[in-house]
Amino acid sequence: MSASTATAAAPGAHPSLRAAAVPLAALCLAFFVEMIDNTLLGIALPTIGRSLHSGTTGLQWVTGAYSLTFGGLLLTAGSAADRFGRRRVLLIGLAAFGLMSLAVLLVTSIGQLIALRAALGLAAAAMAPVTMSLIFRLFDDERLRTRAITIVLVVGMSGFVLGPVLGGTILSSFSWQWLLVINAPVALFAWIGVRAGVPADRRADLTSERLDLPGAALTVLAIGLGCYTATSGVQAGWSSPVTIACAVGAVAAIAGFVARERRAAAPMIDLALFRTGPVRGRRSRSSAPT
């Protein structure tokens, strides 16, 4: 997957961080809202359980559904960004994330909330692989790129720290639905900043290769079965037939993904990368004369 790798900066790159304040702030917000959504609902799970009359299993899937679609579709989203454009995919992801965050006001059951969290994970997966790569369109200078990446990482990762704190503050005065509603204005400001300040996708940067849909299905299946294995192991026991069957299915899906990527014309992961680099580097250094 090449969506997260550096490409040549677009014409008109900014000469300083201050000159790129609008698009850089937008990318910070995009990464921030992805990260904070991972932890924001954690503190509200008991409240959600009482409000929607849900048991422990349902509450586990409120967080698990987001992680499942997010992790399972990251590679697919990166491949889609290569084909359709990184800026375009990010804008679509931000719009979907904001609108679906508002949809929590319509939720009346735990099943609906789980489905909504899965959809939010899909939207976040569309945003995550391209947020960093778009920084390379803003700057030509490597030092500026490094500083910009550091800023985005610090702002984004602060969401893990602020999530429980902000969640508790909101719950003290508002209903739990507002934990997701607040994502909407953040996503809106990020969308406006990206739309206004990040250079558009150039045709030369896009690929004509088709999406690897079988590979995408296998990644989702592997992660889904892996998550269900963990859940079933805690509830039914690690030696239960269901747990063992899910574990075997997850391993089979991983093996199928590796086999698929080895023969795919446009793989999501080039497995040849794992046979090069540090290993060969160590060999060459060990054989060099001293």
C-alpha atoms as a PDB file:
ATOM      1  CA  MET A   1       0.000   0.000   0.000  1.00  0.00           C
ATOM      2  CA  SER A   2       1.397   3.363  -0.962  1.00  0.00           C
ATOM      3  CA  ALA A   3      -1.248   5.679   0.503  1.00  0.00           C
ATOM      4  CA  SER A   4       0.813   6.338   3.605  1.00  0.00           C
ATOM      5  CA  THR A   5       4.098   6.906   1.798  1.00  0.00           C
ATOM      6  CA  ALA A   6       5.564  10.183   0.744  1.00  0.00           C
ATOM      7  CA  THR A   7       4.958  11.540  -2.712  1.00  0.00           C
ATOM      8  CA  ALA A   8       6.267  14.644  -4.361  1.00  0.00           C
ATOM      9  CA  ALA A   9       4.786  17.812  -2.986  1.00  0.00           C
ATOM     10  CA  ALA A  10       2.225  19.614  -5.089  1.00  0.00           C
ATOM     11  CA  PRO A  11       3.151  22.870  -6.798  1.00  0.00           C
ATOM     12  CA  GLY A  12       2.798  25.896  -4.548  1.00  0.00           C
ATOM     13  CA  ALA A  13       3.952  24.196  -1.352  1.00  0.00           C
ATOM     14  CA  HIS A  14       4.059  26.450   1.706  1.00  0.00           C
ATOM     15  CA  PRO A  15       7.323  28.076   2.812  1.00  0.00           C
ATOM     16  CA  SER A  16       6.547  27.871   6.546  1.00  0.00           C
ATOM     17  CA  LEU A  17       4.252  26.281   9.107  1.00  0.00           C
ATOM     18  CA  ARG A  18       2.476  29.588   9.636  1.00  0.00           C
ATOM     19  CA  ALA A  19       1.710  29.883   5.926  1.00  0.00           C
ATOM     20  CA  ALA A  20       0.081  26.437   6.061  1.00  0.00           C
ATOM     21  CA  ALA A  21      -1.837  27.120   9.274  1.00  0.00           C
ATOM     22  CA  VAL A  22      -5.310  26.401   7.853  1.00  0.00           C
ATOM     23  CA  PRO A  23      -4.667  23.039   6.152  1.00  0.00           C
ATOM     24  CA  LEU A  24      -2.298  21.933   8.930  1.00  0.00           C
ATOM     25  CA  ALA A  25      -4.926  22.701  11.575  1.00  0.00           C
ATOM     26  CA  ALA A  26      -7.476  20.794   9.498  1.00  0.00           C
ATOM     27  CA  LEU A  27      -5.267  17.700   9.341  1.00  0.00           C
ATOM     28  CA  CYS A  28      -4.692  17.979  13.106  1.00  0.00           C
ATOM     29  CA  LEU A  29      -8.455  18.041  13.677  1.00  0.00           C
ATOM     30  CA  ALA A  30      -8.986  15.085  11.343  1.00  0.00           C
ATOM     31  CA  PHE A  31      -6.459  12.966  13.223  1.00  0.00           C
ATOM     32  CA  PHE A  32      -7.695  14.230  16.592  1.00  0.00           C
ATOM     33  CA  VAL A  33     -11.313  13.234  15.968  1.00  0.00           C
ATOM     34  CA  GLU A  34     -10.216   9.757  14.855  1.00  0.00           C
ATOM     35  CA  MET A  35      -8.218   9.221  18.037  1.00  0.00           C
ATOM     36  CA  ILE A  36     -10.571  10.727  20.582  1.00  0.00           C
ATOM     37  CA  ASP A  37     -13.485   8.670  19.290  1.00  0.00           C
ATOM     38  CA  ASN A  38     -11.581   5.548  20.342  1.00  0.00           C
ATOM     39  CA  THR A  39     -11.742   6.467  24.016  1.00  0.00           C
ATOM     40  CA  LEU A  40     -14.617   8.926  24.341  1.00  0.00           C
ATOM     41  CA  LEU A  41     -17.379   6.355  24.828  1.00  0.00           C
ATOM     42  CA  GLY A  42     -15.446   4.149  27.239  1.00  0.00           C
ATOM     43  CA  ILE A  43     -16.429   6.108  30.314  1.00  0.00           C
ATOM     44  CA  ALA A  44     -20.079   6.162  29.245  1.00  0.00           C
ATOM     45  CA  LEU A  45     -20.579   2.403  28.770  1.00  0.00           C
ATOM     46  CA  PRO A  46     -22.417   1.886  32.091  1.00  0.00           C
ATOM     47  CA  THR A  47     -24.713   4.808  31.260  1.00  0.00           C
ATOM     48  CA  ILE A  48     -25.288   3.460  27.746  1.00  0.00           C
ATOM     49  CA  GLY A  49     -26.085   0.014  29.171  1.00  0.00           C
ATOM     50  CA  ARG A  50     -28.776   1.445  31.441  1.00  0.00           C
ATOM     51  CA  SER A  51     -30.181   3.720  28.748  1.00  0.00           C
ATOM     52  CA  LEU A  52     -30.425   1.046  26.042  1.00  0.00           C
ATOM     53  CA  HIS A  53     -31.022  -1.911  28.403  1.00  0.00           C
ATOM     54  CA  SER A  54     -27.922  -3.742  27.211  1.00  0.00           C
ATOM     55  CA  GLY A  55     -25.820  -6.438  28.777  1.00  0.00           C
ATOM     56  CA  THR A  56     -22.059  -6.821  28.874  1.00  0.00           C
ATOM     57  CA  THR A  57     -21.800  -8.476  25.462  1.00  0.00           C
ATOM     58  CA  GLY A  58     -23.643  -5.657  23.714  1.00  0.00           C
ATOM     59  CA  LEU A  59     -21.463  -3.041  25.383  1.00  0.00           C
ATOM     60  CA  GLN A  60     -18.323  -4.905  24.328  1.00  0.00           C
ATOM     61  CA  TRP A  61     -19.443  -4.691  20.720  1.00  0.00           C
ATOM     62  CA  VAL A  62     -20.101  -0.958  20.999  1.00  0.00           C
ATOM     63  CA  THR A  63     -16.335  -0.525  21.118  1.00  0.00           C
ATOM     64  CA  GLY A  64     -15.464  -3.708  19.231  1.00  0.00           C
ATOM     65  CA  ALA A  65     -17.518  -2.847  16.160  1.00  0.00           C
ATOM     66  CA  TYR A  66     -15.581   0.391  15.669  1.00  0.00           C
ATOM     67  CA  SER A  67     -12.220  -1.346  16.049  1.00  0.00           C
ATOM     68  CA  LEU A  68     -13.275  -4.172  13.732  1.00  0.00           C
ATOM     69  CA  THR A  69     -14.213  -2.004  10.754  1.00  0.00           C
ATOM     70  CA  PHE A  70     -11.439   0.511  11.427  1.00  0.00           C
ATOM     71  CA  GLY A  71      -8.664  -2.067  11.546  1.00  0.00           C
ATOM     72  CA  GLY A  72     -10.151  -4.324   8.906  1.00  0.00           C
ATOM     73  CA  LEU A  73     -10.547  -1.639   6.257  1.00  0.00           C
ATOM     74  CA  LEU A  74      -7.376   0.410   6.736  1.00  0.00           C
ATOM     75  CA  LEU A  75      -5.548  -1.346   3.915  1.00  0.00           C
ATOM     76  CA  THR A  76      -8.570  -1.115   1.630  1.00  0.00           C
ATOM     77  CA  ALA A  77      -8.978   2.589   2.347  1.00  0.00           C
ATOM     78  CA  GLY A  78      -5.319   3.180   1.530  1.00  0.00           C
ATOM     79  CA  SER A  79      -5.741   1.366  -1.783  1.00  0.00           C
ATOM     80  CA  ALA A  80      -8.871   3.374  -2.557  1.00  0.00           C
ATOM     81  CA  ALA A  81      -6.982   6.600  -1.834  1.00  0.00           C
ATOM     82  CA  ASP A  82      -4.325   5.601  -4.356  1.00  0.00           C
ATOM     83  CA  ARG A  83      -6.998   5.090  -6.996  1.00  0.00           C
ATOM     84  CA  PHE A  84      -9.505   7.873  -6.306  1.00  0.00           C
ATOM     85  CA  GLY A  85      -7.323  10.494  -4.629  1.00  0.00           C
ATOM     86  CA  ARG A  86      -6.176  10.999  -1.047  1.00  0.00           C
ATOM     87  CA  ARG A  87      -7.747  14.405  -0.561  1.00  0.00           C
ATOM     88  CA  ARG A  88     -11.029  13.157  -2.006  1.00  0.00           C
ATOM     89  CA  VAL A  89     -11.102  10.072   0.213  1.00  0.00           C
ATOM     90  CA  LEU A  90     -10.323  12.183   3.297  1.00  0.00           C
ATOM     91  CA  LEU A  91     -13.126  14.616   2.482  1.00  0.00           C
ATOM     92  CA  ILE A  92     -15.576  11.758   2.014  1.00  0.00           C
ATOM     93  CA  GLY A  93     -14.449  10.180   5.287  1.00  0.00           C
ATOM     94  CA  LEU A  94     -14.800  13.434   7.222  1.00  0.00           C
ATOM     95  CA  ALA A  95     -18.262  14.117   5.793  1.00  0.00           C
ATOM     96  CA  ALA A  96     -19.444  10.601   6.600  1.00  0.00           C
ATOM     97  CA  PHE A  97     -17.923  10.716  10.084  1.00  0.00           C
ATOM     98  CA  GLY A  98     -19.653  13.997  10.918  1.00  0.00           C
ATOM     99  CA  LEU A  99     -23.061  12.989   9.574  1.00  0.00           C
ATOM    100  CA  MET A 100     -23.029   9.574  11.243  1.00  0.00           C
ATOM    101  CA  SER A 101     -21.997  11.141  14.536  1.00  0.00           C
ATOM    102  CA  LEU A 102     -25.211  13.173  14.392  1.00  0.00           C
ATOM    103  CA  ALA A 103     -27.177   9.996  13.634  1.00  0.00           C
ATOM    104  CA  VAL A 104     -26.634   8.875  17.231  1.00  0.00           C
ATOM    105  CA  LEU A 105     -29.606  11.092  18.142  1.00  0.00           C
ATOM    106  CA  LEU A 106     -31.825   8.578  16.321  1.00  0.00           C
ATOM    107  CA  VAL A 107     -30.459   5.506  18.127  1.00  0.00           C
ATOM    108  CA  THR A 108     -33.000   3.659  20.276  1.00  0.00           C
ATOM    109  CA  SER A 109     -31.407   0.215  20.740  1.00  0.00           C
ATOM    110  CA  ILE A 110     -28.017  -1.328  21.377  1.00  0.00           C
ATOM    111  CA  GLY A 111     -28.096  -3.009  17.970  1.00  0.00           C
ATOM    112  CA  GLN A 112     -28.499   0.334  16.244  1.00  0.00           C
ATOM    113  CA  LEU A 113     -25.618   1.783  18.244  1.00  0.00           C
ATOM    114  CA  ILE A 114     -23.355  -1.138  17.339  1.00  0.00           C
ATOM    115  CA  ALA A 115     -24.204  -0.691  13.657  1.00  0.00           C
ATOM    116  CA  LEU A 116     -23.511   3.029  13.936  1.00  0.00           C
ATOM    117  CA  ARG A 117     -20.156   2.413  15.598  1.00  0.00           C
ATOM    118  CA  ALA A 118     -19.220   0.008  12.813  1.00  0.00           C
ATOM    119  CA  ALA A 119     -20.110   2.672  10.236  1.00  0.00           C
ATOM    120  CA  LEU A 120     -18.036   5.253  12.129  1.00  0.00           C
ATOM    121  CA  GLY A 121     -15.099   2.844  12.098  1.00  0.00           C
ATOM    122  CA  LEU A 122     -15.435   2.587   8.323  1.00  0.00           C
ATOM    123  CA  ALA A 123     -15.386   6.379   7.970  1.00  0.00           C
ATOM    124  CA  ALA A 124     -12.366   6.650  10.283  1.00  0.00           C
ATOM    125  CA  ALA A 125     -10.562   4.013   8.221  1.00  0.00           C
ATOM    126  CA  ALA A 126     -11.020   6.236   5.175  1.00  0.00           C
ATOM    127  CA  MET A 127      -9.412   9.127   7.038  1.00  0.00           C
ATOM    128  CA  ALA A 128      -6.495   7.495   8.845  1.00  0.00           C
ATOM    129  CA  PRO A 129      -4.233   6.299   5.992  1.00  0.00           C
ATOM    130  CA  VAL A 130      -4.200   9.645   4.179  1.00  0.00           C
ATOM    131  CA  THR A 131      -4.054  12.235   6.949  1.00  0.00           C
ATOM    132  CA  MET A 132      -0.273  12.034   7.288  1.00  0.00           C
ATOM    133  CA  SER A 133       0.457  11.559   3.597  1.00  0.00           C
ATOM    134  CA  LEU A 134      -1.283  14.827   2.732  1.00  0.00           C
ATOM    135  CA  ILE A 135       1.316  16.709   4.774  1.00  0.00           C
ATOM    136  CA  PHE A 136       3.763  16.019   1.954  1.00  0.00           C
ATOM    137  CA  ARG A 137       1.621  18.169  -0.319  1.00  0.00           C
ATOM    138  CA  LEU A 138       1.942  21.141   1.972  1.00  0.00           C
ATOM    139  CA  PHE A 139       5.737  21.374   2.213  1.00  0.00           C
ATOM    140  CA  ASP A 140       8.772  20.779   0.018  1.00  0.00           C
ATOM    141  CA  ASP A 141      11.264  21.190   2.853  1.00  0.00           C
ATOM    142  CA  GLU A 142      11.968  17.979   4.799  1.00  0.00           C
ATOM    143  CA  ARG A 143      12.407  19.858   8.086  1.00  0.00           C
ATOM    144  CA  LEU A 144       8.996  21.479   7.719  1.00  0.00           C
ATOM    145  CA  ARG A 145       7.453  18.126   6.895  1.00  0.00           C
ATOM    146  CA  THR A 146       9.001  16.549   9.981  1.00  0.00           C
ATOM    147  CA  ARG A 147       7.806  19.378  12.220  1.00  0.00           C
ATOM    148  CA  ALA A 148       4.315  19.237  10.708  1.00  0.00           C
ATOM    149  CA  ILE A 149       4.076  15.468  11.207  1.00  0.00           C
ATOM    150  CA  THR A 150       5.169  15.903  14.830  1.00  0.00           C
ATOM    151  CA  ILE A 151       2.485  18.537  15.416  1.00  0.00           C
ATOM    152  CA  VAL A 152      -0.251  16.377  13.905  1.00  0.00           C
ATOM    153  CA  LEU A 153       0.868  13.352  15.925  1.00  0.00           C
ATOM    154  CA  VAL A 154       0.945  15.278  19.209  1.00  0.00           C
ATOM    155  CA  VAL A 155      -2.477  16.841  18.634  1.00  0.00           C
ATOM    156  CA  GLY A 156      -3.986  13.580  17.459  1.00  0.00           C
ATOM    157  CA  MET A 157      -2.595  11.363  20.185  1.00  0.00           C
ATOM    158  CA  SER A 158      -3.739  13.837  22.828  1.00  0.00           C
ATOM    159  CA  GLY A 159      -7.204  12.549  21.995  1.00  0.00           C
ATOM    160  CA  PHE A 160      -6.408   9.334  23.885  1.00  0.00           C
ATOM    161  CA  VAL A 161      -5.701  11.391  27.003  1.00  0.00           C
ATOM    162  CA  LEU A 162      -8.549  13.858  26.598  1.00  0.00           C
ATOM    163  CA  GLY A 163     -11.173  11.262  25.685  1.00  0.00           C
ATOM    164  CA  PRO A 164     -12.037  10.031  29.203  1.00  0.00           C
ATOM    165  CA  VAL A 165     -11.648  13.527  30.701  1.00  0.00           C
ATOM    166  CA  LEU A 166     -13.847  15.169  28.090  1.00  0.00           C
ATOM    167  CA  GLY A 167     -16.299  12.283  28.234  1.00  0.00           C
ATOM    168  CA  GLY A 168     -16.738  12.622  31.986  1.00  0.00           C
ATOM    169  CA  THR A 169     -17.182  16.385  31.706  1.00  0.00           C
ATOM    170  CA  ILE A 170     -19.909  16.020  29.080  1.00  0.00           C
ATOM    171  CA  LEU A 171     -21.697  13.253  30.977  1.00  0.00           C
ATOM    172  CA  SER A 172     -21.909  15.436  34.059  1.00  0.00           C
ATOM    173  CA  SER A 173     -24.218  17.858  32.226  1.00  0.00           C
ATOM    174  CA  PHE A 174     -25.531  16.153  29.070  1.00  0.00           C
ATOM    175  CA  SER A 175     -26.774  12.769  27.838  1.00  0.00           C
ATOM    176  CA  TRP A 176     -24.324  10.189  26.496  1.00  0.00           C
ATOM    177  CA  GLN A 177     -25.387  10.878  22.887  1.00  0.00           C
ATOM    178  CA  TRP A 178     -23.499  14.170  23.010  1.00  0.00           C
ATOM    179  CA  LEU A 179     -20.244  12.228  23.250  1.00  0.00           C
ATOM    180  CA  LEU A 180     -20.686  11.478  19.557  1.00  0.00           C
ATOM    181  CA  VAL A 181     -22.545  14.629  18.550  1.00  0.00           C
ATOM    182  CA  ILE A 182     -19.491  16.765  19.378  1.00  0.00           C
ATOM    183  CA  ASN A 183     -17.588  14.927  16.642  1.00  0.00           C
ATOM    184  CA  ALA A 184     -19.757  16.597  14.002  1.00  0.00           C
ATOM    185  CA  PRO A 185     -18.506  20.206  14.337  1.00  0.00           C
ATOM    186  CA  VAL A 186     -14.890  19.011  14.633  1.00  0.00           C
ATOM    187  CA  ALA A 187     -15.284  16.993  11.430  1.00  0.00           C
ATOM    188  CA  LEU A 188     -16.961  19.975   9.744  1.00  0.00           C
ATOM    189  CA  PHE A 189     -14.108  22.370  10.557  1.00  0.00           C
ATOM    190  CA  ALA A 190     -11.589  19.763   9.413  1.00  0.00           C
ATOM    191  CA  TRP A 191     -13.524  19.271   6.147  1.00  0.00           C
ATOM    192  CA  ILE A 192     -13.570  23.007   5.456  1.00  0.00           C
ATOM    193  CA  GLY A 193      -9.850  23.349   6.162  1.00  0.00           C
ATOM    194  CA  VAL A 194      -8.889  20.405   3.966  1.00  0.00           C
ATOM    195  CA  ARG A 195     -11.191  21.554   1.169  1.00  0.00           C
ATOM    196  CA  ALA A 196      -9.786  25.074   1.259  1.00  0.00           C
ATOM    197  CA  GLY A 197      -6.105  24.492   1.977  1.00  0.00           C
ATOM    198  CA  VAL A 198      -4.931  21.069   0.768  1.00  0.00           C
ATOM    199  CA  PRO A 199      -4.012  20.919  -2.949  1.00  0.00           C
ATOM    200  CA  ALA A 200      -6.333  18.822  -5.089  1.00  0.00           C
ATOM    201  CA  ASP A 201      -5.373  15.369  -6.282  1.00  0.00           C
ATOM    202  CA  ARG A 202      -3.401  15.316  -9.516  1.00  0.00           C
ATOM    203  CA  ARG A 203      -4.215  12.737 -12.151  1.00  0.00           C
ATOM    204  CA  ALA A 204      -0.541  11.759 -12.351  1.00  0.00           C
ATOM    205  CA  ASP A 205      -0.606  10.704  -8.678  1.00  0.00           C
ATOM    206  CA  LEU A 206      -3.524   8.282  -9.136  1.00  0.00           C
ATOM    207  CA  THR A 207      -3.267   4.636 -10.080  1.00  0.00           C
ATOM    208  CA  SER A 208      -5.517   2.727 -12.456  1.00  0.00           C
ATOM    209  CA  GLU A 209      -5.131  -0.533 -10.538  1.00  0.00           C
ATOM    210  CA  ARG A 210      -8.318  -2.166  -9.294  1.00  0.00           C
ATOM    211  CA  LEU A 211      -9.126  -2.495  -5.630  1.00  0.00           C
ATOM    212  CA  ASP A 212      -8.228  -5.859  -4.128  1.00  0.00           C
ATOM    213  CA  LEU A 213     -11.717  -6.727  -2.894  1.00  0.00           C
ATOM    214  CA  PRO A 214     -10.924 -10.378  -2.001  1.00  0.00           C
ATOM    215  CA  GLY A 215      -7.957  -9.184   0.048  1.00  0.00           C
ATOM    216  CA  ALA A 216     -10.153  -6.616   1.780  1.00  0.00           C
ATOM    217  CA  ALA A 217     -12.756  -9.259   2.632  1.00  0.00           C
ATOM    218  CA  LEU A 218     -10.086 -11.545   4.072  1.00  0.00           C
ATOM    219  CA  THR A 219      -8.653  -8.803   6.308  1.00  0.00           C
ATOM    220  CA  VAL A 220     -12.094  -7.974   7.703  1.00  0.00           C
ATOM    221  CA  LEU A 221     -12.812 -11.685   8.221  1.00  0.00           C
ATOM    222  CA  ALA A 222      -9.491 -12.271   9.991  1.00  0.00           C
ATOM    223  CA  ILE A 223      -9.909  -9.302  12.342  1.00  0.00           C
ATOM    224  CA  GLY A 224     -13.584 -10.064  12.940  1.00  0.00           C
ATOM    225  CA  LEU A 225     -12.937 -13.684  13.838  1.00  0.00           C
ATOM    226  CA  GLY A 226      -9.980 -12.626  15.972  1.00  0.00           C
ATOM    227  CA  CYS A 227     -12.160 -10.193  17.946  1.00  0.00           C
ATOM    228  CA  TYR A 228     -14.912 -12.778  18.351  1.00  0.00           C
ATOM    229  CA  THR A 229     -12.333 -15.335  19.507  1.00  0.00           C
ATOM    230  CA  ALA A 230     -11.253 -12.995  22.288  1.00  0.00           C
ATOM    231  CA  THR A 231     -14.859 -12.270  23.286  1.00  0.00           C
ATOM    232  CA  SER A 232     -15.890 -15.918  23.199  1.00  0.00           C
ATOM    233  CA  GLY A 233     -12.783 -16.975  25.105  1.00  0.00           C
ATOM    234  CA  VAL A 234     -13.637 -14.695  28.017  1.00  0.00           C
ATOM    235  CA  GLN A 235     -17.324 -15.621  28.092  1.00  0.00           C
ATOM    236  CA  ALA A 236     -17.469 -19.292  27.040  1.00  0.00           C
ATOM    237  CA  GLY A 237     -13.922 -20.408  27.816  1.00  0.00           C
ATOM    238  CA  TRP A 238     -10.833 -20.783  25.666  1.00  0.00           C
ATOM    239  CA  SER A 239     -11.463 -24.485  25.132  1.00  0.00           C
ATOM    240  CA  SER A 240     -15.071 -24.098  23.970  1.00  0.00           C
ATOM    241  CA  PRO A 241     -15.894 -25.294  20.420  1.00  0.00           C
ATOM    242  CA  VAL A 242     -16.988 -21.808  19.345  1.00  0.00           C
ATOM    243  CA  THR A 243     -13.744 -20.193  20.539  1.00  0.00           C
ATOM    244  CA  ILE A 244     -11.590 -22.839  18.864  1.00  0.00           C
ATOM    245  CA  ALA A 245     -13.579 -22.643  15.621  1.00  0.00           C
ATOM    246  CA  CYS A 246     -13.228 -18.856  15.497  1.00  0.00           C
ATOM    247  CA  ALA A 247      -9.502 -19.039  16.214  1.00  0.00           C
ATOM    248  CA  VAL A 248      -9.001 -21.590  13.439  1.00  0.00           C
ATOM    249  CA  GLY A 249     -11.081 -19.431  11.094  1.00  0.00           C
ATOM    250  CA  ALA A 250      -8.989 -16.351  11.909  1.00  0.00           C
ATOM    251  CA  VAL A 251      -5.742 -18.218  11.192  1.00  0.00           C
ATOM    252  CA  ALA A 252      -7.201 -19.561   7.949  1.00  0.00           C
ATOM    253  CA  ALA A 253      -8.254 -16.056   6.906  1.00  0.00           C
ATOM    254  CA  ILE A 254      -4.754 -14.716   7.594  1.00  0.00           C
ATOM    255  CA  ALA A 255      -3.230 -17.533   5.564  1.00  0.00           C
ATOM    256  CA  GLY A 256      -5.699 -16.853   2.768  1.00  0.00           C
ATOM    257  CA  PHE A 257      -4.807 -13.159   2.807  1.00  0.00           C
ATOM    258  CA  VAL A 258      -1.092 -13.926   2.524  1.00  0.00           C
ATOM    259  CA  ALA A 259      -1.735 -16.333  -0.346  1.00  0.00           C
ATOM    260  CA  ARG A 260      -3.942 -13.766  -2.081  1.00  0.00           C
ATOM    261  CA  GLU A 261      -1.394 -10.972  -1.757  1.00  0.00           C
ATOM    262  CA  ARG A 262       1.381 -13.157  -3.148  1.00  0.00           C
ATOM    263  CA  ARG A 263      -0.443 -13.660  -6.436  1.00  0.00           C
ATOM    264  CA  ALA A 264      -2.510 -10.467  -6.714  1.00  0.00           C
ATOM    265  CA  ALA A 265      -1.618  -8.131  -9.588  1.00  0.00           C
ATOM    266  CA  ALA A 266      -2.038  -5.082  -7.324  1.00  0.00           C
ATOM    267  CA  PRO A 267      -1.565  -6.311  -3.717  1.00  0.00           C
ATOM    268  CA  MET A 268      -2.490  -4.136  -0.767  1.00  0.00           C
ATOM    269  CA  ILE A 269       0.809  -5.186   0.864  1.00  0.00           C
ATOM    270  CA  ASP A 270       3.879  -6.072  -1.141  1.00  0.00           C
ATOM    271  CA  LEU A 271       5.111  -9.116   0.779  1.00  0.00           C
ATOM    272  CA  ALA A 272       8.509  -8.819  -0.883  1.00  0.00           C
ATOM    273  CA  LEU A 273       9.192  -5.916   1.506  1.00  0.00           C
ATOM    274  CA  PHE A 274       9.535  -8.410   4.353  1.00  0.00           C
ATOM    275  CA  ARG A 275      12.366 -10.192   2.528  1.00  0.00           C
ATOM    276  CA  THR A 276      14.499  -7.077   2.108  1.00  0.00           C
ATOM    277  CA  GLY A 277      15.864  -4.234   4.214  1.00  0.00           C
ATOM    278  CA  PRO A 278      17.441  -4.810   7.637  1.00  0.00           C
ATOM    279  CA  VAL A 279      18.140  -8.542   7.139  1.00  0.00           C
ATOM    280  CA  ARG A 280      20.108  -8.044   3.948  1.00  0.00           C
ATOM    281  CA  GLY A 281      21.715  -4.946   5.416  1.00  0.00           C
ATOM    282  CA  ARG A 282      23.114  -6.911   8.337  1.00  0.00           C
ATOM    283  CA  ARG A 283      24.475  -9.574   6.044  1.00  0.00           C
ATOM    284  CA  SER A 284      26.247  -7.078   3.825  1.00  0.00           C
ATOM    285  CA  ARG A 285      27.817  -5.322   6.802  1.00  0.00           C
ATOM    286  CA  SER A 286      28.966  -8.573   8.383  1.00  0.00           C
ATOM    287  CA  SER A 287      30.724  -9.622   5.173  1.00  0.00           C
ATOM    288  CA  ALA A 288      32.399  -6.269   4.580  1.00  0.00           C
ATOM    289  CA  PRO A 289      36.115  -5.970   5.369  1.00  0.00           C
ATOM    290  CA  THR A 290      37.058  -4.118   8.538  1.00  0.00           C
END
